[in-house]
C-alpha atoms as a PDB file:
ATOM      1  CA  GLN A   1       1.976  -6.782  18.476  1.00  0.00           C
ATOM      2  CA  VAL A   2       0.433  -4.078  15.837  1.00  0.00           C
ATOM      3  CA  GLN A   3      -2.440  -4.159  13.821  1.00  0.00           C
ATOM      4  CA  LEU A   4      -2.143  -2.618  10.259  1.00  0.00           C
ATOM      5  CA  VAL A   5      -5.288  -1.673   9.170  1.00  0.00           C
ATOM      6  CA  GLU A   6      -6.019  -0.896   5.723  1.00  0.00           C
ATOM      7  CA  SER A   7      -8.736   1.432   3.998  1.00  0.00           C
ATOM      8  CA  GLY A   8      -9.671   3.186   1.067  1.00  0.00           C
ATOM      9  CA  GLY A   9     -10.459   0.329  -1.268  1.00  0.00           C
ATOM     10  CA  GLY A  10     -13.512   0.249  -3.779  1.00  0.00           C
ATOM     11  CA  LEU A  11     -14.636  -0.096  -6.958  1.00  0.00           C
ATOM     12  CA  VAL A  12     -13.656   2.445  -9.175  1.00  0.00           C
ATOM     13  CA  GLN A  13     -13.553   2.672 -13.376  1.00  0.00           C
ATOM     14  CA  PRO A  14     -10.394   2.561 -15.688  1.00  0.00           C
ATOM     15  CA  GLY A  15      -8.869   5.841 -15.323  1.00  0.00           C
ATOM     16  CA  GLY A  16     -10.343   6.676 -12.099  1.00  0.00           C
ATOM     17  CA  SER A  17      -8.074   7.147  -8.762  1.00  0.00           C
ATOM     18  CA  LEU A  18      -8.129   5.791  -5.475  1.00  0.00           C
ATOM     19  CA  ARG A  19      -6.154   6.911  -2.078  1.00  0.00           C
ATOM     20  CA  LEU A  20      -5.229   3.579   0.338  1.00  0.00           C
ATOM     21  CA  SER A  21      -4.433   4.397   3.648  1.00  0.00           C
ATOM     22  CA  CYS A  22      -2.613   2.317   6.415  1.00  0.00           C
ATOM     23  CA  VAL A  23      -2.837   2.762   9.687  1.00  0.00           C
ATOM     24  CA  PRO A  24      -0.921   1.005  12.928  1.00  0.00           C
ATOM     25  CA  SER A  25      -2.786   0.386  16.187  1.00  0.00           C
ATOM     26  CA  ARG A  26       0.440   2.208  17.907  1.00  0.00           C
ATOM     27  CA  PRO A  27       2.722   4.221  16.375  1.00  0.00           C
ATOM     28  CA  LEU A  28       5.726   2.550  14.475  1.00  0.00           C
ATOM     29  CA  PRO A  29       9.440   4.067  14.761  1.00  0.00           C
ATOM     30  CA  THR A  30      10.165   5.674  11.579  1.00  0.00           C
ATOM     31  CA  ILE A  31      13.171   3.226  11.117  1.00  0.00           C
ATOM     32  CA  TYR A  32      10.538   1.005   9.840  1.00  0.00           C
ATOM     33  CA  THR A  33      10.490   0.222   6.110  1.00  0.00           C
ATOM     34  CA  MET A  34       6.714   0.615   4.938  1.00  0.00           C
ATOM     35  CA  ALA A  35       5.368  -0.888   1.566  1.00  0.00           C
ATOM     36  CA  TRP A  36       2.368  -1.366  -0.097  1.00  0.00           C
ATOM     37  CA  TYR A  37       1.733  -5.126  -1.937  1.00  0.00           C
ATOM     38  CA  ARG A  38      -0.998  -6.705  -4.100  1.00  0.00           C
ATOM     39  CA  GLN A  39      -2.325  -9.796  -4.584  1.00  0.00           C
ATOM     40  CA  THR A  40      -5.063 -11.793  -7.306  1.00  0.00           C
ATOM     41  CA  PRO A  41      -6.123 -14.949  -6.840  1.00  0.00           C
ATOM     42  CA  GLY A  42      -3.919 -17.833  -7.667  1.00  0.00           C
ATOM     43  CA  SER A  43      -1.251 -15.098  -7.486  1.00  0.00           C
ATOM     44  CA  GLN A  44       1.868 -14.491  -5.360  1.00  0.00           C
ATOM     45  CA  ARG A  45       2.014 -11.243  -3.065  1.00  0.00           C
ATOM     46  CA  GLU A  46       3.949  -8.229  -5.295  1.00  0.00           C
ATOM     47  CA  LEU A  47       5.567  -5.685  -4.193  1.00  0.00           C
ATOM     48  CA  VAL A  48       3.936  -2.317  -5.870  1.00  0.00           C
ATOM     49  CA  ALA A  49       5.535   0.615  -3.588  1.00  0.00           C
ATOM     50  CA  ILE A  50       8.374   1.080  -0.299  1.00  0.00           C
ATOM     51  CA  ILE A  51       9.172   4.387   1.286  1.00  0.00           C
ATOM     52  CA  THR A  52      11.744   4.274   3.716  1.00  0.00           C
ATOM     53  CA  GLY A  53      11.984   5.937   7.411  1.00  0.00           C
ATOM     54  CA  GLY A  54      13.585   8.682   5.449  1.00  0.00           C
ATOM     55  CA  GLY A  55      10.649   9.133   2.935  1.00  0.00           C
ATOM     56  CA  HIS A  56      12.678   7.356  -0.079  1.00  0.00           C
ATOM     57  CA  PRO A  57      10.142   5.808  -2.101  1.00  0.00           C
ATOM     58  CA  SER A  58      10.376   2.898  -4.667  1.00  0.00           C
ATOM     59  CA  TYR A  59       8.170   1.599  -6.777  1.00  0.00           C
ATOM     60  CA  ALA A  60       7.425  -1.691  -9.182  1.00  0.00           C
ATOM     61  CA  ASP A  61       7.434  -0.769 -12.955  1.00  0.00           C
ATOM     62  CA  SER A  62       3.662  -1.543 -13.035  1.00  0.00           C
ATOM     63  CA  ALA A  63       3.423   1.729 -10.702  1.00  0.00           C
ATOM     64  CA  LYS A  64       5.798   3.880 -11.606  1.00  0.00           C
ATOM     65  CA  GLY A  65       4.083   6.824 -13.109  1.00  0.00           C
ATOM     66  CA  ARG A  66       0.810   6.001 -11.539  1.00  0.00           C
ATOM     67  CA  PHE A  67       1.207   5.267  -7.894  1.00  0.00           C
ATOM     68  CA  THR A  68       2.673   7.327  -5.424  1.00  0.00           C
ATOM     69  CA  ILE A  69       3.769   6.237  -1.642  1.00  0.00           C
ATOM     70  CA  SER A  70       3.863   8.682   1.088  1.00  0.00           C
ATOM     71  CA  ARG A  71       4.064   8.619   4.672  1.00  0.00           C
ATOM     72  CA  ASP A  72       3.119  10.816   8.023  1.00  0.00           C
ATOM     73  CA  ASN A  73       6.134   9.781  10.255  1.00  0.00           C
ATOM     74  CA  ALA A  74       3.819  11.827  13.217  1.00  0.00           C
ATOM     75  CA  LYS A  75       0.951   9.535  12.401  1.00  0.00           C
ATOM     76  CA  SER A  76       2.640   6.402  11.179  1.00  0.00           C
ATOM     77  CA  ILE A  77       0.224   6.319   8.106  1.00  0.00           C
ATOM     78  CA  ILE A  78       1.331   5.770   5.055  1.00  0.00           C
ATOM     79  CA  TYR A  79      -0.714   6.258   2.061  1.00  0.00           C
ATOM     80  CA  LEU A  80      -0.937   5.004  -1.673  1.00  0.00           C
ATOM     81  CA  GLN A  81      -2.352   7.316  -4.343  1.00  0.00           C
ATOM     82  CA  MET A  82      -3.324   5.540  -7.242  1.00  0.00           C
ATOM     83  CA  ASN A  83      -4.377   7.355 -10.715  1.00  0.00           C
ATOM     84  CA  ASN A  84      -4.835   6.410 -13.949  1.00  0.00           C
ATOM     85  CA  LEU A  85      -6.077   2.666 -12.467  1.00  0.00           C
ATOM     86  CA  GLN A  86      -6.485  -0.271 -15.193  1.00  0.00           C
ATOM     87  CA  PRO A  87      -8.332  -3.689 -14.431  1.00  0.00           C
ATOM     88  CA  GLU A  88      -4.855  -5.360 -14.344  1.00  0.00           C
ATOM     89  CA  ASP A  89      -4.629  -3.002 -10.772  1.00  0.00           C
ATOM     90  CA  SER A  90      -7.751  -4.847  -9.477  1.00  0.00           C
ATOM     91  CA  ALA A  91      -6.439  -6.845  -6.417  1.00  0.00           C
ATOM     92  CA  VAL A  92      -6.279  -7.016  -2.397  1.00  0.00           C
ATOM     93  CA  TYR A  93      -3.541  -4.372  -1.476  1.00  0.00           C
ATOM     94  CA  TYR A  94      -1.928  -5.106   2.058  1.00  0.00           C
ATOM     95  CA  CYS A  95       0.228  -2.997   3.796  1.00  0.00           C
ATOM     96  CA  ASN A  96       3.205  -4.282   5.453  1.00  0.00           C
ATOM     97  CA  ALA A  97       5.622  -2.680   8.318  1.00  0.00           C
ATOM     98  CA  GLU A  98       9.219  -4.375   8.559  1.00  0.00           C
ATOM     99  CA  TRP A  99      12.506  -3.808  10.490  1.00  0.00           C
ATOM    100  CA  SER A 100      14.790  -6.079  10.844  1.00  0.00           C
ATOM    101  CA  ARG A 101      13.694  -9.578  11.713  1.00  0.00           C
ATOM    102  CA  THR A 102      10.192  -7.819  12.818  1.00  0.00           C
ATOM    103  CA  GLN A 103       7.165  -7.729  10.287  1.00  0.00           C
ATOM    104  CA  TYR A 104       3.760  -6.412  10.239  1.00  0.00           C
ATOM    105  CA  TRP A 105       0.670  -6.985   7.977  1.00  0.00           C
ATOM    106  CA  GLY A 106      -2.461  -5.616   7.363  1.00  0.00           C
ATOM    107  CA  GLN A 107      -5.479  -7.731   6.603  1.00  0.00           C
ATOM    108  CA  GLY A 108      -6.326  -5.721   3.186  1.00  0.00           C
ATOM    109  CA  THR A 109      -8.162  -3.886   1.230  1.00  0.00           C
ATOM    110  CA  GLN A 110     -10.071  -4.766  -1.981  1.00  0.00           C
ATOM    111  CA  VAL A 111      -9.463  -2.407  -5.102  1.00  0.00           C
ATOM    112  CA  THR A 112     -11.365  -3.327  -8.210  1.00  0.00           C
ATOM    113  CA  VAL A 113     -11.214  -1.565 -11.557  1.00  0.00           C
ATOM    114  CA  SER A 114     -14.269  -2.154 -13.884  1.00  0.00           C
ATOM    115  CA  SER A 115     -16.267  -0.554 -16.003  1.00  0.00           C
END
């Protein structure tokens, strides 16, 4: 079993930035696709950004132009740089790693955007 540990969440004012990190308890093969999801109370978890082992990213429309996902394959760490944060970005952000039928989730990190 692999644990994913997210960090970097917190309280930020509108227009501010945060950088989330996700570190696995052991290195994962680069074949794993890794992603960031987010969830607010009463809502389904939604995909924010995803990155392949080859480093190809994709983003939800809400994240395009503001968020950047990246990965350090040597350390199996993924990052989510979030700029120009808005109150609607407030959520618990979860790290995900997936390959074939194997999937791992982190415990989540809270992001709150408020003045």
